Amino acid sequence: MADLDRSLVRALPLFARMTDEELDRLLARAVIRRVPVGEAVFEQGQKANQFFLLLHGRLKVTQVTNDGQQIIVRVVHPGDLFGFAQALQRDDYPGTPVAAAESIVICWPNEVWHSVVAQNPNLAVNAMQSIGQRLQEAHTRIREMSTEEVERRVAHAVLRLIDQAGRQEPEGVRIDFPLTRQDVAEMTGTTLHTVSRLFSAWESQGIVKGGRQKLLVRDRARLKALAEGMTE
């Protein structure tokens, strides 16, 4: 495969401080891959011999717990690193990223990372900041699941998604990838029945608008009030 064109990734914050020559060297070791909807990039527990960057699309990262429950631990957005098991000092992948929309990923072999970082310390700083943001989000979700009632947890999850993947429309802000109620249940540690009940109530109040998969938030201020426990 021909070398990737640096213009595909030049605007991403991860590579902001790299020169064209440095970026060309990094991309020369990369492979680009298309991931159809519903396909996994890799499987939980698989030996981690590559790391990845999402160039286009959306991925939902699932984990299966010891008791067999499936949860969504993260949504991967364009520009995000993922599958970076080295950062967690693991030799296997802790989750399974599945394409929620047609996606394009860039893959590198793990051994590339050490040589690239040695030559481009700014890249390491940017990567660690990105990973730190993901950890902060994970800590926030753990706190919410430990301390908040289910309606507040679900409201917080939807607010995060419109911040990360919202597209402004005349009626409100639409989450710009397919999202089922089961997905929201798996993100928030609750049941499909509970999420369906909440969404039906929110729809009747004009807070969200129902759709089969792409959720529209019509009243962000009221959703934020619910997330903060400020009920009337």
Protein backbone atom coordinates (compact mmCIF):
# COMPACT_ATOMS: atom_id res chain seq x y z
CA MET A 1 0.00 0.00 0.00
CA ALA A 2 1.22 3.50 -0.81
CA ASP A 3 2.21 5.82 1.98
CA LEU A 4 -0.66 7.73 3.54
CA ASP A 5 -1.02 11.36 2.60
CA ARG A 6 -0.17 13.53 5.60
CA SER A 7 -3.08 15.86 4.74
CA LEU A 8 -5.42 13.16 6.07
CA VAL A 9 -4.14 13.62 9.62
CA ARG A 10 -2.33 16.98 9.67
CA ALA A 11 -5.27 18.77 11.36
CA LEU A 12 -5.56 16.26 14.22
CA PRO A 13 -4.38 17.61 17.61
CA LEU A 14 -2.28 14.50 18.19
CA PHE A 15 0.08 15.48 15.36
CA ALA A 16 -0.07 19.25 15.77
CA ARG A 17 3.60 19.70 16.74
CA MET A 18 5.14 17.28 14.27
CA THR A 19 6.96 18.52 11.18
CA ASP A 20 5.93 17.26 7.74
CA GLU A 21 9.03 15.08 7.58
CA GLU A 22 8.34 13.54 10.99
CA LEU A 23 4.73 12.88 10.09
CA ASP A 24 5.72 11.30 6.78
CA ARG A 25 8.06 8.90 8.60
CA LEU A 26 5.29 7.92 11.02
CA LEU A 27 2.73 7.38 8.26
CA ALA A 28 5.18 5.34 6.21
CA ARG A 29 4.80 2.58 8.84
CA ALA A 30 1.00 2.83 8.96
CA VAL A 31 -1.74 0.76 7.34
CA ILE A 32 -5.22 2.14 6.67
CA ARG A 33 -8.25 -0.10 7.14
CA ARG A 34 -11.95 0.27 6.47
CA VAL A 35 -14.28 -1.14 9.13
CA PRO A 36 -17.90 -1.80 8.07
CA VAL A 37 -20.77 -1.19 10.48
CA GLY A 38 -20.98 -3.95 13.07
CA GLU A 39 -17.45 -5.26 12.49
CA ALA A 40 -14.88 -5.40 15.31
CA VAL A 41 -11.42 -3.90 14.84
CA PHE A 42 -10.10 -6.48 17.33
CA GLU A 43 -11.52 -8.64 20.10
CA GLN A 44 -11.27 -8.36 23.88
CA GLY A 45 -8.44 -10.59 25.13
CA GLN A 46 -6.68 -10.71 21.75
CA LYS A 47 -2.90 -10.23 21.87
CA ALA A 48 -2.15 -6.54 21.42
CA ASN A 49 0.45 -6.15 18.69
CA GLN A 50 -0.87 -2.91 17.14
CA PHE A 51 -2.24 0.46 18.19
CA PHE A 52 -4.79 2.50 16.27
CA LEU A 53 -6.17 5.90 15.44
CA LEU A 54 -9.74 6.50 14.27
CA LEU A 55 -9.70 8.67 11.17
CA HIS A 56 -13.40 8.60 10.30
CA GLY A 57 -16.59 7.14 11.79
CA ARG A 58 -17.43 6.04 15.34
CA LEU A 59 -16.55 2.96 17.40
CA LYS A 60 -18.28 1.59 20.50
CA VAL A 61 -15.85 -0.21 22.81
CA THR A 62 -17.51 -3.03 24.73
CA GLN A 63 -16.27 -5.22 27.55
CA VAL A 64 -17.71 -8.47 28.84
CA THR A 65 -17.45 -8.66 32.63
CA ASN A 66 -16.58 -11.79 34.60
CA ASP A 67 -20.29 -12.47 35.15
CA GLY A 68 -21.01 -12.23 31.42
CA GLN A 69 -22.55 -8.76 31.33
CA GLN A 70 -21.69 -6.60 28.32
CA ILE A 71 -21.03 -2.92 28.95
CA ILE A 72 -19.96 -0.04 26.71
CA VAL A 73 -16.87 1.52 28.28
CA ARG A 74 -16.10 4.15 25.69
CA VAL A 75 -17.08 5.69 22.37
CA VAL A 76 -14.11 6.35 20.07
CA HIS A 77 -14.36 9.57 18.06
CA PRO A 78 -12.32 10.71 15.02
CA GLY A 79 -8.79 11.66 16.06
CA ASP A 80 -8.77 9.35 19.10
CA LEU A 81 -6.08 6.78 19.79
CA PHE A 82 -7.38 3.36 20.84
CA GLY A 83 -6.09 -0.15 21.37
CA PHE A 84 -3.05 1.40 23.02
CA ALA A 85 -2.51 -1.45 25.45
CA GLN A 86 1.09 -0.42 26.12
CA ALA A 87 -0.18 2.62 28.01
CA LEU A 88 -2.04 0.25 30.36
CA GLN A 89 0.97 -2.09 30.66
CA ARG A 90 -1.05 -4.90 29.12
CA ASP A 91 -0.22 -7.36 26.37
CA ASP A 92 -3.86 -7.93 25.41
CA TYR A 93 -6.75 -5.68 24.41
CA PRO A 94 -9.12 -4.93 27.31
CA GLY A 95 -12.18 -4.36 25.11
CA THR A 96 -13.72 -4.86 21.67
CA PRO A 97 -14.21 -1.77 19.44
CA VAL A 98 -17.14 -2.25 17.07
CA ALA A 99 -18.00 0.15 14.26
CA ALA A 100 -21.21 2.05 15.03
CA ALA A 101 -20.87 3.78 11.65
CA GLU A 102 -18.73 3.08 8.61
CA SER A 103 -15.22 3.75 9.94
CA ILE A 104 -11.64 4.17 8.77
CA VAL A 105 -8.76 3.38 11.13
CA ILE A 106 -5.00 3.75 10.89
CA CYS A 107 -2.91 0.94 12.41
CA TRP A 108 0.73 0.83 13.52
CA PRO A 109 2.76 -2.07 14.93
CA ASN A 110 3.56 -1.56 18.60
CA GLU A 111 7.32 -1.45 18.03
CA VAL A 112 6.92 1.76 16.03
CA TRP A 113 5.84 3.71 19.11
CA HIS A 114 9.17 3.65 20.99
CA SER A 115 11.27 4.80 18.05
CA VAL A 116 8.78 7.51 17.10
CA VAL A 117 8.56 8.86 20.64
CA ALA A 118 12.34 8.95 20.94
CA GLN A 119 12.46 11.25 17.91
CA ASN A 120 9.23 13.18 18.62
CA PRO A 121 8.71 13.81 22.35
CA ASN A 122 5.89 16.23 21.62
CA LEU A 123 3.90 13.35 20.15
CA ALA A 124 4.27 11.45 23.41
CA VAL A 125 3.03 14.46 25.36
CA ASN A 126 -0.01 14.82 23.11
CA ALA A 127 -0.75 11.10 23.30
CA MET A 128 -0.53 11.05 27.10
CA GLN A 129 -2.84 14.06 27.30
CA SER A 130 -5.34 12.25 25.09
CA ILE A 131 -5.15 9.10 27.21
CA GLY A 132 -5.44 11.23 30.36
CA GLN A 133 -8.68 12.75 29.06
CA ARG A 134 -10.08 9.25 28.49
CA LEU A 135 -9.13 8.22 32.03
CA GLN A 136 -10.76 11.36 33.44
CA GLU A 137 -13.95 10.52 31.59
CA ALA A 138 -13.80 6.97 32.94
CA HIS A 139 -13.38 8.25 36.50
CA THR A 140 -16.35 10.58 36.03
CA ARG A 141 -18.53 7.70 34.84
CA ILE A 142 -17.49 5.54 37.79
CA ARG A 143 -18.38 8.34 40.20
CA GLU A 144 -21.75 8.84 38.54
CA MET A 145 -22.57 5.14 38.65
CA SER A 146 -21.59 4.97 42.32
CA THR A 147 -23.40 8.07 43.56
CA GLU A 148 -26.17 9.16 41.19
CA GLU A 149 -29.70 8.03 40.49
CA VAL A 150 -30.24 6.45 37.10
CA GLU A 151 -31.96 9.45 35.46
CA ARG A 152 -29.00 11.69 36.28
CA ARG A 153 -26.53 9.08 34.95
CA VAL A 154 -28.40 8.74 31.66
CA ALA A 155 -28.71 12.52 31.29
CA HIS A 156 -24.97 12.95 31.88
CA ALA A 157 -24.19 10.24 29.30
CA VAL A 158 -26.35 11.93 26.64
CA LEU A 159 -24.82 15.34 27.40
CA ARG A 160 -21.30 13.92 26.94
CA LEU A 161 -22.30 12.40 23.63
CA ILE A 162 -23.73 15.64 22.23
CA ASP A 163 -20.57 17.45 23.35
CA GLN A 164 -18.39 14.89 21.58
CA ALA A 165 -20.54 13.98 18.57
CA GLY A 166 -23.34 16.51 18.35
CA ARG A 167 -24.48 18.11 15.10
CA GLN A 168 -26.58 21.25 15.31
CA GLU A 169 -29.92 21.08 13.50
CA PRO A 170 -32.89 23.48 13.43
CA GLU A 171 -34.73 21.45 16.09
CA GLY A 172 -31.75 20.85 18.37
CA VAL A 173 -28.55 18.82 18.55
CA ARG A 174 -28.39 15.35 17.02
CA ILE A 175 -25.90 12.68 18.11
CA ASP A 176 -24.18 12.02 14.81
CA PHE A 177 -23.92 8.23 14.87
CA PRO A 178 -26.39 5.38 15.40
CA LEU A 179 -27.14 5.00 19.11
CA THR A 180 -29.68 2.52 20.44
CA ARG A 181 -31.38 2.58 23.81
CA GLN A 182 -29.56 -0.65 24.59
CA ASP A 183 -26.28 1.19 23.95
CA VAL A 184 -27.26 3.88 26.47
CA ALA A 185 -28.22 1.19 28.99
CA GLU A 186 -24.80 -0.46 28.59
CA MET A 187 -23.05 2.91 29.01
CA THR A 188 -24.84 3.73 32.23
CA GLY A 189 -25.14 0.41 34.04
CA THR A 190 -28.90 0.17 33.80
CA THR A 191 -31.52 -1.77 31.84
CA LEU A 192 -33.10 -1.28 28.43
CA HIS A 193 -36.49 -1.03 30.12
CA THR A 194 -35.31 1.85 32.34
CA VAL A 195 -33.72 3.77 29.44
CA SER A 196 -36.84 3.29 27.30
CA ARG A 197 -39.02 4.59 30.13
CA LEU A 198 -36.79 7.63 30.63
CA PHE A 199 -36.60 8.48 26.93
CA SER A 200 -40.38 8.17 26.58
CA ALA A 201 -40.85 10.58 29.50
CA TRP A 202 -38.26 13.00 28.10
CA GLU A 203 -39.91 12.88 24.69
CA SER A 204 -43.31 13.74 26.16
CA GLN A 205 -41.65 16.71 27.92
CA GLY A 206 -40.01 17.92 24.69
CA ILE A 207 -36.46 17.27 25.90
CA VAL A 208 -35.56 14.72 23.23
CA LYS A 209 -37.12 13.57 20.00
CA GLY A 210 -37.47 9.89 19.34
CA GLY A 211 -35.80 8.19 16.45
CA ARG A 212 -34.82 4.64 15.77
CA GLN A 213 -31.12 5.27 16.35
CA LYS A 214 -29.91 8.87 15.94
CA LEU A 215 -31.04 10.74 19.05
CA LEU A 216 -32.05 14.42 18.83
CA VAL A 217 -31.76 16.58 21.97
CA ARG A 218 -34.30 19.40 21.68
CA ASP A 219 -33.81 21.06 25.08
CA ARG A 220 -30.24 20.86 26.30
CA ALA A 221 -30.87 23.20 29.25
CA ARG A 222 -33.57 20.95 30.70
CA LEU A 223 -31.43 17.86 30.13
CA LYS A 224 -28.56 19.55 31.97
CA ALA A 225 -30.90 20.43 34.83
CA LEU A 226 -31.88 16.75 35.10
CA ALA A 227 -28.21 15.73 35.08
CA GLU A 228 -27.51 18.13 37.93
CA GLY A 229 -30.51 16.94 39.94
CA MET A 230 -32.36 20.23 39.55
CA THR A 231 -35.87 18.85 39.12
CA GLU A 232 -38.96 20.96 39.48
